Amino acid sequence: MFASRFSFDGKIVLITGGSRGLGLALARQACARRARVALLARDPNELARACDDLTRLGGVALPVECDLLEPAQIEQAVGRIVDHFGGLDVVINNAGIIEVGPLAHMKRADFEKAMMLHFWAPYHVISEAIPHFRRRGGGRIVNISSIGGKIAVPHMAPYTASKFALAGFSDAIRAELARENIHVTTVTPGMMRTGSQGFAKFKGDHAAEYKRFTASSRLPFASISAERAARKILAACVSARPALVMPMSARIMIMANALFPNLFGRMMKMGNACLPSPAGPGGDESRRGSEIR
């Protein structure tokens, strides 16, 4: 079966959000396994730097400038990749945004943007990829959700709602696509040490929200490095694992929530009481972590 003999050697891999962080770590390790990678991102300078890095390491990389909020650009990007490499074997939906702050400062536009990037963009990428998978006799889809897609996280309502949507969609299509040798893996990571706090956006008491988020992302027992996460994700892709949850702390939290939902809910309420309170009108402004820092 395709699932048992899969190797990245010579495969064509599309990675959204591949110009930095976890996406770039995935690209490096895929290239080390002799895959050919296409990186999708909005920033042409970041894309150029990432592909130069991969080329220096002996990899084969194609930079594809694409705004994932625009379905037409996704269609064009997938077409360009197939024209350039001659096909498509693996899709890794990794791109994401993080916006942190109290619900009082979150607007409908914040929820819509999160849903567009975390749910609709993977939907469109997968829809464009499936016909190419069928022509090659199978494929792999990796959807990178979050612990926020299994447990509702205070002060991250748009992120959590959209990641729940992605996790549900990913799990829903798995059985249907398996009959066509297209294997879907849902990845549920906890916090990752990728420097994401610099790119995250914050509302409310900006400095306090940034400080709390940064501290939690650096806890060694509750977070995982991008390099280690990338190794686990590619291994799960090779073995066609339906689900990957990491690190152990994330597994424990998800299990506790499933077994003791009322107790866990009360604990989350207590935790929320320790988070920064809503700020004044200025708290509606979204500020990037790098600006706050």
C-alpha atoms as a PDB file:
ATOM      1  CA  MET A   1       0.000   0.000   0.000  1.00  0.00           C
ATOM      2  CA  PHE A   2       0.999   3.659  -0.498  1.00  0.00           C
ATOM      3  CA  ALA A   3       0.916   4.143   3.273  1.00  0.00           C
ATOM      4  CA  SER A   4       3.514   1.445   3.921  1.00  0.00           C
ATOM      5  CA  ARG A   5       6.045   2.410   1.242  1.00  0.00           C
ATOM      6  CA  PHE A   6       5.916   6.186   1.505  1.00  0.00           C
ATOM      7  CA  SER A   7       9.202   8.083   1.460  1.00  0.00           C
ATOM      8  CA  PHE A   8       9.924  11.780   1.110  1.00  0.00           C
ATOM      9  CA  ASP A   9      12.679  11.021  -1.399  1.00  0.00           C
ATOM     10  CA  GLY A  10      11.746  12.873  -4.586  1.00  0.00           C
ATOM     11  CA  LYS A  11       8.324  13.904  -3.301  1.00  0.00           C
ATOM     12  CA  ILE A  12       6.870  17.363  -3.912  1.00  0.00           C
ATOM     13  CA  VAL A  13       5.837  19.027  -0.656  1.00  0.00           C
ATOM     14  CA  LEU A  14       3.751  22.197  -0.306  1.00  0.00           C
ATOM     15  CA  ILE A  15       4.166  24.002   3.024  1.00  0.00           C
ATOM     16  CA  THR A  16       2.043  27.032   3.878  1.00  0.00           C
ATOM     17  CA  GLY A  17       3.697  29.533   6.196  1.00  0.00           C
ATOM     18  CA  GLY A  18       6.975  27.930   5.186  1.00  0.00           C
ATOM     19  CA  SER A  19       9.233  30.975   5.300  1.00  0.00           C
ATOM     20  CA  ARG A  20       9.914  30.931   9.057  1.00  0.00           C
ATOM     21  CA  GLY A  21       9.298  29.152  12.359  1.00  0.00           C
ATOM     22  CA  LEU A  22       7.864  25.652  12.270  1.00  0.00           C
ATOM     23  CA  GLY A  23       7.209  25.866   8.528  1.00  0.00           C
ATOM     24  CA  LEU A  24      10.879  26.503   7.765  1.00  0.00           C
ATOM     25  CA  ALA A  25      11.950  23.758  10.186  1.00  0.00           C
ATOM     26  CA  LEU A  26       9.642  21.364   8.320  1.00  0.00           C
ATOM     27  CA  ALA A  27      11.098  22.480   4.997  1.00  0.00           C
ATOM     28  CA  ARG A  28      14.680  21.938   6.175  1.00  0.00           C
ATOM     29  CA  GLN A  29      13.952  18.433   7.380  1.00  0.00           C
ATOM     30  CA  ALA A  30      11.923  17.552   4.276  1.00  0.00           C
ATOM     31  CA  CYS A  31      14.851  18.698   2.105  1.00  0.00           C
ATOM     32  CA  ALA A  32      17.191  16.601   4.241  1.00  0.00           C
ATOM     33  CA  ARG A  33      15.003  13.645   3.224  1.00  0.00           C
ATOM     34  CA  ARG A  34      15.491  14.696  -0.416  1.00  0.00           C
ATOM     35  CA  ALA A  35      12.024  16.099  -0.944  1.00  0.00           C
ATOM     36  CA  ARG A  36      11.391  19.065  -3.228  1.00  0.00           C
ATOM     37  CA  VAL A  37       9.550  21.794  -1.355  1.00  0.00           C
ATOM     38  CA  ALA A  38       7.347  24.726  -2.290  1.00  0.00           C
ATOM     39  CA  LEU A  39       7.051  27.426   0.350  1.00  0.00           C
ATOM     40  CA  LEU A  40       3.917  29.587   0.447  1.00  0.00           C
ATOM     41  CA  ALA A  41       4.003  32.910   2.284  1.00  0.00           C
ATOM     42  CA  ARG A  42       3.114  36.574   1.744  1.00  0.00           C
ATOM     43  CA  ASP A  43       6.468  38.244   2.370  1.00  0.00           C
ATOM     44  CA  PRO A  44       8.739  37.920  -0.702  1.00  0.00           C
ATOM     45  CA  ASN A  45      11.850  38.859   1.280  1.00  0.00           C
ATOM     46  CA  GLU A  46      11.229  36.183   3.914  1.00  0.00           C
ATOM     47  CA  LEU A  47      10.546  33.667   1.147  1.00  0.00           C
ATOM     48  CA  ALA A  48      13.788  34.527  -0.627  1.00  0.00           C
ATOM     49  CA  ARG A  49      15.812  34.189   2.584  1.00  0.00           C
ATOM     50  CA  ALA A  50      14.175  30.852   3.416  1.00  0.00           C
ATOM     51  CA  CYS A  51      14.788  29.388  -0.040  1.00  0.00           C
ATOM     52  CA  ASP A  52      18.393  30.636  -0.057  1.00  0.00           C
ATOM     53  CA  ASP A  53      18.869  28.888   3.275  1.00  0.00           C
ATOM     54  CA  LEU A  54      17.442  25.632   1.910  1.00  0.00           C
ATOM     55  CA  THR A  55      19.526  25.858  -1.263  1.00  0.00           C
ATOM     56  CA  ARG A  56      22.722  26.330   0.766  1.00  0.00           C
ATOM     57  CA  LEU A  57      21.842  23.124   2.594  1.00  0.00           C
ATOM     58  CA  GLY A  58      21.510  21.287  -0.720  1.00  0.00           C
ATOM     59  CA  GLY A  59      17.727  21.400  -0.896  1.00  0.00           C
ATOM     60  CA  VAL A  60      15.418  22.129  -3.816  1.00  0.00           C
ATOM     61  CA  ALA A  61      12.944  24.886  -2.932  1.00  0.00           C
ATOM     62  CA  LEU A  62      10.433  26.981  -4.829  1.00  0.00           C
ATOM     63  CA  PRO A  63       9.284  30.293  -3.293  1.00  0.00           C
ATOM     64  CA  VAL A  64       5.610  31.018  -3.989  1.00  0.00           C
ATOM     65  CA  GLU A  65       4.264  34.391  -2.923  1.00  0.00           C
ATOM     66  CA  CYS A  66       0.644  33.857  -1.892  1.00  0.00           C
ATOM     67  CA  ASP A  67      -1.927  35.573   0.293  1.00  0.00           C
ATOM     68  CA  LEU A  68      -3.827  32.641   1.793  1.00  0.00           C
ATOM     69  CA  LEU A  69      -6.771  34.904   2.518  1.00  0.00           C
ATOM     70  CA  GLU A  70      -7.398  35.006  -1.254  1.00  0.00           C
ATOM     71  CA  PRO A  71      -8.747  31.734  -2.759  1.00  0.00           C
ATOM     72  CA  ALA A  72      -7.782  32.816  -6.288  1.00  0.00           C
ATOM     73  CA  GLN A  73      -4.146  33.171  -5.212  1.00  0.00           C
ATOM     74  CA  ILE A  74      -4.221  29.685  -3.672  1.00  0.00           C
ATOM     75  CA  GLU A  75      -5.487  28.229  -6.965  1.00  0.00           C
ATOM     76  CA  GLN A  76      -2.734  30.024  -8.872  1.00  0.00           C
ATOM     77  CA  ALA A  77      -0.074  28.937  -6.362  1.00  0.00           C
ATOM     78  CA  VAL A  78      -0.961  25.238  -6.557  1.00  0.00           C
ATOM     79  CA  GLY A  79      -1.047  25.461 -10.359  1.00  0.00           C
ATOM     80  CA  ARG A  80       2.398  27.059 -10.399  1.00  0.00           C
ATOM     81  CA  ILE A  81       3.839  24.362  -8.145  1.00  0.00           C
ATOM     82  CA  VAL A  82       2.443  21.563 -10.305  1.00  0.00           C
ATOM     83  CA  ASP A  83       3.685  23.240 -13.488  1.00  0.00           C
ATOM     84  CA  HIS A  84       7.154  23.703 -11.983  1.00  0.00           C
ATOM     85  CA  PHE A  85       7.658  20.289 -10.374  1.00  0.00           C
ATOM     86  CA  GLY A  86       5.265  18.169 -12.422  1.00  0.00           C
ATOM     87  CA  GLY A  87       2.961  17.123  -9.600  1.00  0.00           C
ATOM     88  CA  LEU A  88       2.160  17.310  -5.904  1.00  0.00           C
ATOM     89  CA  ASP A  89       2.476  14.653  -3.192  1.00  0.00           C
ATOM     90  CA  VAL A  90       2.201  16.301   0.237  1.00  0.00           C
ATOM     91  CA  VAL A  91       0.378  19.329   1.623  1.00  0.00           C
ATOM     92  CA  ILE A  92       1.249  20.712   5.057  1.00  0.00           C
ATOM     93  CA  ASN A  93      -1.182  23.394   6.238  1.00  0.00           C
ATOM     94  CA  ASN A  94       0.970  25.219   8.748  1.00  0.00           C
ATOM     95  CA  ALA A  95       0.246  28.950   8.267  1.00  0.00           C
ATOM     96  CA  GLY A  96      -1.372  30.681  11.209  1.00  0.00           C
ATOM     97  CA  ILE A  97      -1.870  33.880  13.155  1.00  0.00           C
ATOM     98  CA  ILE A  98      -2.125  34.387  16.902  1.00  0.00           C
ATOM     99  CA  GLU A  99      -4.117  37.217  18.419  1.00  0.00           C
ATOM    100  CA  VAL A 100      -4.181  37.462  22.198  1.00  0.00           C
ATOM    101  CA  GLY A 101      -6.439  39.583  24.365  1.00  0.00           C
ATOM    102  CA  PRO A 102      -9.752  39.738  26.251  1.00  0.00           C
ATOM    103  CA  LEU A 103     -13.002  38.989  24.434  1.00  0.00           C
ATOM    104  CA  ALA A 104     -14.104  42.566  25.186  1.00  0.00           C
ATOM    105  CA  HIS A 105     -11.528  43.815  22.666  1.00  0.00           C
ATOM    106  CA  MET A 106     -12.084  41.188  19.963  1.00  0.00           C
ATOM    107  CA  LYS A 107     -14.195  42.217  16.979  1.00  0.00           C
ATOM    108  CA  ARG A 108     -16.018  40.218  14.312  1.00  0.00           C
ATOM    109  CA  ALA A 109     -13.161  41.019  11.891  1.00  0.00           C
ATOM    110  CA  ASP A 110     -10.713  39.238  14.225  1.00  0.00           C
ATOM    111  CA  PHE A 111     -12.814  36.077  14.135  1.00  0.00           C
ATOM    112  CA  GLU A 112     -13.309  36.297  10.373  1.00  0.00           C
ATOM    113  CA  LYS A 113      -9.588  36.647   9.670  1.00  0.00           C
ATOM    114  CA  ALA A 114      -8.731  33.723  11.958  1.00  0.00           C
ATOM    115  CA  MET A 115     -11.358  31.551  10.258  1.00  0.00           C
ATOM    116  CA  MET A 116     -10.124  32.567   6.808  1.00  0.00           C
ATOM    117  CA  LEU A 117      -6.535  31.602   7.561  1.00  0.00           C
ATOM    118  CA  HIS A 118      -6.991  28.585   9.834  1.00  0.00           C
ATOM    119  CA  PHE A 119     -10.041  26.975   8.219  1.00  0.00           C
ATOM    120  CA  TRP A 120     -10.872  28.317   4.766  1.00  0.00           C
ATOM    121  CA  ALA A 121      -7.269  28.513   3.536  1.00  0.00           C
ATOM    122  CA  PRO A 122      -6.568  24.820   4.358  1.00  0.00           C
ATOM    123  CA  TYR A 123      -9.934  23.954   2.805  1.00  0.00           C
ATOM    124  CA  HIS A 124      -8.986  25.685  -0.462  1.00  0.00           C
ATOM    125  CA  VAL A 125      -5.426  24.277  -0.499  1.00  0.00           C
ATOM    126  CA  ILE A 126      -6.742  20.746   0.037  1.00  0.00           C
ATOM    127  CA  SER A 127      -9.466  21.189  -2.586  1.00  0.00           C
ATOM    128  CA  GLU A 128      -6.870  22.279  -5.146  1.00  0.00           C
ATOM    129  CA  ALA A 129      -4.449  19.492  -4.190  1.00  0.00           C
ATOM    130  CA  ILE A 130      -6.813  16.497  -4.255  1.00  0.00           C
ATOM    131  CA  PRO A 131      -7.090  16.202  -8.080  1.00  0.00           C
ATOM    132  CA  HIS A 132      -3.277  16.133  -8.317  1.00  0.00           C
ATOM    133  CA  PHE A 133      -3.072  13.491  -5.580  1.00  0.00           C
ATOM    134  CA  ARG A 134      -5.550  11.329  -7.478  1.00  0.00           C
ATOM    135  CA  ARG A 135      -3.449  11.511 -10.629  1.00  0.00           C
ATOM    136  CA  ARG A 136      -0.423  10.280  -8.662  1.00  0.00           C
ATOM    137  CA  GLY A 137      -2.299   7.483  -6.916  1.00  0.00           C
ATOM    138  CA  GLY A 138      -2.345   8.999  -3.435  1.00  0.00           C
ATOM    139  CA  GLY A 139      -1.000  11.730  -1.217  1.00  0.00           C
ATOM    140  CA  ARG A 140      -0.525  13.111   2.251  1.00  0.00           C
ATOM    141  CA  ILE A 141      -2.284  15.981   4.029  1.00  0.00           C
ATOM    142  CA  VAL A 142      -0.986  17.349   7.333  1.00  0.00           C
ATOM    143  CA  ASN A 143      -3.168  19.908   9.095  1.00  0.00           C
ATOM    144  CA  ILE A 144      -1.425  21.654  11.967  1.00  0.00           C
ATOM    145  CA  SER A 145      -4.082  22.643  14.469  1.00  0.00           C
ATOM    146  CA  SER A 146      -3.270  23.450  18.102  1.00  0.00           C
ATOM    147  CA  ILE A 147      -4.044  22.512  21.664  1.00  0.00           C
ATOM    148  CA  GLY A 148      -6.327  25.533  21.245  1.00  0.00           C
ATOM    149  CA  GLY A 149      -8.280  23.352  18.808  1.00  0.00           C
ATOM    150  CA  LYS A 150      -9.065  20.868  21.585  1.00  0.00           C
ATOM    151  CA  ILE A 151      -9.269  23.084  24.673  1.00  0.00           C
ATOM    152  CA  ALA A 152     -10.841  26.538  24.785  1.00  0.00           C
ATOM    153  CA  VAL A 153      -8.117  28.974  25.799  1.00  0.00           C
ATOM    154  CA  PRO A 154      -9.081  32.275  27.519  1.00  0.00           C
ATOM    155  CA  HIS A 155      -7.917  35.470  25.809  1.00  0.00           C
ATOM    156  CA  MET A 156      -7.526  33.612  22.485  1.00  0.00           C
ATOM    157  CA  ALA A 157     -11.145  33.268  21.363  1.00  0.00           C
ATOM    158  CA  PRO A 158     -10.683  33.868  17.586  1.00  0.00           C
ATOM    159  CA  TYR A 159      -7.648  31.569  17.470  1.00  0.00           C
ATOM    160  CA  THR A 160      -9.382  28.841  19.472  1.00  0.00           C
ATOM    161  CA  ALA A 161     -12.621  28.942  17.467  1.00  0.00           C
ATOM    162  CA  SER A 162     -10.780  28.700  14.145  1.00  0.00           C
ATOM    163  CA  LYS A 163      -8.440  25.923  15.295  1.00  0.00           C
ATOM    164  CA  PHE A 164     -11.436  23.912  16.533  1.00  0.00           C
ATOM    165  CA  ALA A 165     -12.859  24.294  13.014  1.00  0.00           C
ATOM    166  CA  LEU A 166      -9.622  23.082  11.396  1.00  0.00           C
ATOM    167  CA  ALA A 167      -9.335  20.076  13.727  1.00  0.00           C
ATOM    168  CA  GLY A 168     -12.939  19.086  13.054  1.00  0.00           C
ATOM    169  CA  PHE A 169     -12.562  19.450   9.281  1.00  0.00           C
ATOM    170  CA  SER A 170      -9.297  17.500   9.287  1.00  0.00           C
ATOM    171  CA  ASP A 171     -10.793  14.628  11.271  1.00  0.00           C
ATOM    172  CA  ALA A 172     -13.968  14.659   9.168  1.00  0.00           C
ATOM    173  CA  ILE A 173     -12.259  14.196   5.783  1.00  0.00           C
ATOM    174  CA  ARG A 174      -9.780  11.545   6.947  1.00  0.00           C
ATOM    175  CA  ALA A 175     -11.971   8.469   6.473  1.00  0.00           C
ATOM    176  CA  GLU A 176     -13.438   9.643   3.173  1.00  0.00           C
ATOM    177  CA  LEU A 177     -10.078  10.377   1.550  1.00  0.00           C
ATOM    178  CA  ALA A 178      -8.381   7.221   2.858  1.00  0.00           C
ATOM    179  CA  ARG A 179     -10.175   5.083   0.257  1.00  0.00           C
ATOM    180  CA  GLU A 180      -8.269   7.062  -2.388  1.00  0.00           C
ATOM    181  CA  ASN A 181      -4.907   6.525  -0.694  1.00  0.00           C
ATOM    182  CA  ILE A 182      -4.913  10.122   0.550  1.00  0.00           C
ATOM    183  CA  HIS A 183      -3.934  10.084   4.214  1.00  0.00           C
ATOM    184  CA  VAL A 184      -4.765  12.932   6.600  1.00  0.00           C
ATOM    185  CA  THR A 185      -2.860  13.662   9.814  1.00  0.00           C
ATOM    186  CA  THR A 186      -4.198  16.141  12.370  1.00  0.00           C
ATOM    187  CA  VAL A 187      -1.378  17.661  14.424  1.00  0.00           C
ATOM    188  CA  THR A 188      -2.195  19.140  17.838  1.00  0.00           C
ATOM    189  CA  PRO A 189       0.874  20.840  19.282  1.00  0.00           C
ATOM    190  CA  GLY A 190       1.043  22.708  22.541  1.00  0.00           C
ATOM    191  CA  MET A 191       3.152  25.840  22.829  1.00  0.00           C
ATOM    192  CA  MET A 192       6.182  25.892  20.543  1.00  0.00           C
ATOM    193  CA  ARG A 193       9.456  27.715  21.004  1.00  0.00           C
ATOM    194  CA  THR A 194       9.513  29.420  17.602  1.00  0.00           C
ATOM    195  CA  GLY A 195       9.675  33.068  18.600  1.00  0.00           C
ATOM    196  CA  SER A 196       6.022  33.429  17.641  1.00  0.00           C
ATOM    197  CA  GLN A 197       5.465  36.048  20.352  1.00  0.00           C
ATOM    198  CA  GLY A 198       7.225  38.567  18.118  1.00  0.00           C
ATOM    199  CA  PHE A 199       4.762  37.965  15.277  1.00  0.00           C
ATOM    200  CA  ALA A 200       1.669  37.491  17.457  1.00  0.00           C
ATOM    201  CA  LYS A 201      -0.746  40.372  17.880  1.00  0.00           C
ATOM    202  CA  PHE A 202      -2.055  41.621  21.199  1.00  0.00           C
ATOM    203  CA  LYS A 203      -5.101  43.570  22.358  1.00  0.00           C
ATOM    204  CA  GLY A 204      -6.131  44.951  25.734  1.00  0.00           C
ATOM    205  CA  ASP A 205      -3.261  45.631  28.118  1.00  0.00           C
ATOM    206  CA  HIS A 206      -0.638  45.065  25.433  1.00  0.00           C
ATOM    207  CA  ALA A 207       2.432  44.838  27.668  1.00  0.00           C
ATOM    208  CA  ALA A 208       0.791  42.533  30.217  1.00  0.00           C
ATOM    209  CA  GLU A 209      -0.668  40.232  27.539  1.00  0.00           C
ATOM    210  CA  TYR A 210       2.682  40.047  25.764  1.00  0.00           C
ATOM    211  CA  LYS A 211       4.535  39.256  28.985  1.00  0.00           C
ATOM    212  CA  ARG A 212       2.137  36.436  29.925  1.00  0.00           C
ATOM    213  CA  PHE A 213       2.166  34.880  26.461  1.00  0.00           C
ATOM    214  CA  THR A 214       5.957  35.053  26.184  1.00  0.00           C
ATOM    215  CA  ALA A 215       6.447  33.437  29.597  1.00  0.00           C
ATOM    216  CA  SER A 216       4.113  30.524  28.778  1.00  0.00           C
ATOM    217  CA  SER A 217       5.787  29.893  25.419  1.00  0.00           C
ATOM    218  CA  ARG A 218       9.167  29.462  27.106  1.00  0.00           C
ATOM    219  CA  LEU A 219       8.173  26.895  29.742  1.00  0.00           C
ATOM    220  CA  PRO A 220      10.342  23.825  28.969  1.00  0.00           C
ATOM    221  CA  PHE A 221       7.816  21.276  30.294  1.00  0.00           C
ATOM    222  CA  ALA A 222       4.856  22.848  28.436  1.00  0.00           C
ATOM    223  CA  SER A 223       6.474  23.713  25.098  1.00  0.00           C
ATOM    224  CA  ILE A 224       8.445  22.019  22.333  1.00  0.00           C
ATOM    225  CA  SER A 225      11.151  23.255  19.973  1.00  0.00           C
ATOM    226  CA  ALA A 226      10.307  23.745  16.302  1.00  0.00           C
ATOM    227  CA  GLU A 227      13.010  21.273  15.222  1.00  0.00           C
ATOM    228  CA  ARG A 228      11.737  18.486  17.455  1.00  0.00           C
ATOM    229  CA  ALA A 229       8.136  19.194  16.459  1.00  0.00           C
ATOM    230  CA  ALA A 230       9.093  19.070  12.767  1.00  0.00           C
ATOM    231  CA  ARG A 231      10.748  15.649  13.183  1.00  0.00           C
ATOM    232  CA  LYS A 232       7.647  14.264  14.863  1.00  0.00           C
ATOM    233  CA  ILE A 233       5.323  15.750  12.244  1.00  0.00           C
ATOM    234  CA  LEU A 234       7.247  14.319   9.289  1.00  0.00           C
ATOM    235  CA  ALA A 235       7.442  10.919  10.993  1.00  0.00           C
ATOM    236  CA  ALA A 236       3.672  10.991  11.517  1.00  0.00           C
ATOM    237  CA  CYS A 237       3.213  11.916   7.869  1.00  0.00           C
ATOM    238  CA  VAL A 238       5.361   8.998   6.699  1.00  0.00           C
ATOM    239  CA  SER A 239       3.476   6.492   8.841  1.00  0.00           C
ATOM    240  CA  ALA A 240       0.077   8.018   7.957  1.00  0.00           C
ATOM    241  CA  ARG A 241      -0.814   8.533  11.606  1.00  0.00           C
ATOM    242  CA  PRO A 242      -4.329   9.899  11.985  1.00  0.00           C
ATOM    243  CA  ALA A 243      -3.352  12.177  14.861  1.00  0.00           C
ATOM    244  CA  LEU A 244      -0.274  13.575  16.583  1.00  0.00           C
ATOM    245  CA  VAL A 245      -0.448  15.377  19.928  1.00  0.00           C
ATOM    246  CA  MET A 246       2.723  16.866  21.446  1.00  0.00           C
ATOM    247  CA  PRO A 247       4.335  17.394  23.892  1.00  0.00           C
ATOM    248  CA  MET A 248       3.247  15.171  26.781  1.00  0.00           C
ATOM    249  CA  SER A 249       1.872  18.151  28.697  1.00  0.00           C
ATOM    250  CA  ALA A 250      -0.585  18.807  25.846  1.00  0.00           C
ATOM    251  CA  ARG A 251      -1.743  15.178  25.910  1.00  0.00           C
ATOM    252  CA  ILE A 252      -2.325  15.354  29.657  1.00  0.00           C
ATOM    253  CA  MET A 253      -4.354  18.555  29.381  1.00  0.00           C
ATOM    254  CA  ILE A 254      -6.521  17.205  26.553  1.00  0.00           C
ATOM    255  CA  MET A 255      -7.119  13.959  28.439  1.00  0.00           C
ATOM    256  CA  ALA A 256      -8.005  15.838  31.635  1.00  0.00           C
ATOM    257  CA  ASN A 257     -10.455  18.026  29.747  1.00  0.00           C
ATOM    258  CA  ALA A 258     -12.087  14.954  28.177  1.00  0.00           C
ATOM    259  CA  LEU A 259     -12.351  12.975  31.435  1.00  0.00           C
ATOM    260  CA  PHE A 260     -13.214  15.803  33.826  1.00  0.00           C
ATOM    261  CA  PRO A 261     -14.778  18.587  31.728  1.00  0.00           C
ATOM    262  CA  ASN A 262     -16.549  20.329  34.634  1.00  0.00           C
ATOM    263  CA  LEU A 263     -13.503  20.324  36.886  1.00  0.00           C
ATOM    264  CA  PHE A 264     -11.287  21.442  34.006  1.00  0.00           C
ATOM    265  CA  GLY A 265     -13.753  24.207  33.156  1.00  0.00           C
ATOM    266  CA  ARG A 266     -13.621  25.505  36.718  1.00  0.00           C
ATOM    267  CA  MET A 267      -9.833  25.457  36.622  1.00  0.00           C
ATOM    268  CA  MET A 268      -9.844  27.489  33.409  1.00  0.00           C
ATOM    269  CA  LYS A 269     -12.121  30.046  35.089  1.00  0.00           C
ATOM    270  CA  MET A 270      -9.641  30.312  37.950  1.00  0.00           C
ATOM    271  CA  GLY A 271      -6.789  30.712  35.486  1.00  0.00           C
ATOM    272  CA  ASN A 272      -8.645  33.423  33.609  1.00  0.00           C
ATOM    273  CA  ALA A 273      -8.986  35.403  36.861  1.00  0.00           C
ATOM    274  CA  CYS A 274      -5.187  35.726  36.838  1.00  0.00           C
ATOM    275  CA  LEU A 275      -5.057  37.132  33.299  1.00  0.00           C
ATOM    276  CA  PRO A 276      -4.947  40.873  32.543  1.00  0.00           C
ATOM    277  CA  SER A 277      -8.254  42.715  32.709  1.00  0.00           C
ATOM    278  CA  PRO A 278      -9.684  44.562  29.678  1.00  0.00           C
ATOM    279  CA  ALA A 279      -8.105  47.948  29.075  1.00  0.00           C
ATOM    280  CA  GLY A 280      -9.613  51.215  27.905  1.00  0.00           C
ATOM    281  CA  PRO A 281     -10.493  52.133  24.302  1.00  0.00           C
ATOM    282  CA  GLY A 282      -6.837  51.871  23.341  1.00  0.00           C
ATOM    283  CA  GLY A 283      -7.043  48.159  24.007  1.00  0.00           C
ATOM    284  CA  ASP A 284      -9.012  47.684  20.786  1.00  0.00           C
ATOM    285  CA  GLU A 285      -5.852  48.440  18.858  1.00  0.00           C
ATOM    286  CA  SER A 286      -3.977  45.345  17.713  1.00  0.00           C
ATOM    287  CA  ARG A 287      -0.217  45.591  18.263  1.00  0.00           C
ATOM    288  CA  ARG A 288       2.453  43.169  17.097  1.00  0.00           C
ATOM    289  CA  GLY A 289       4.671  41.610  19.744  1.00  0.00           C
ATOM    290  CA  SER A 290       7.825  42.953  18.132  1.00  0.00           C
ATOM    291  CA  GLU A 291       6.475  46.492  18.571  1.00  0.00           C
ATOM    292  CA  ILE A 292       5.631  45.926  22.229  1.00  0.00           C
ATOM    293  CA  ARG A 293       9.000  44.368  22.921  1.00  0.00           C
END
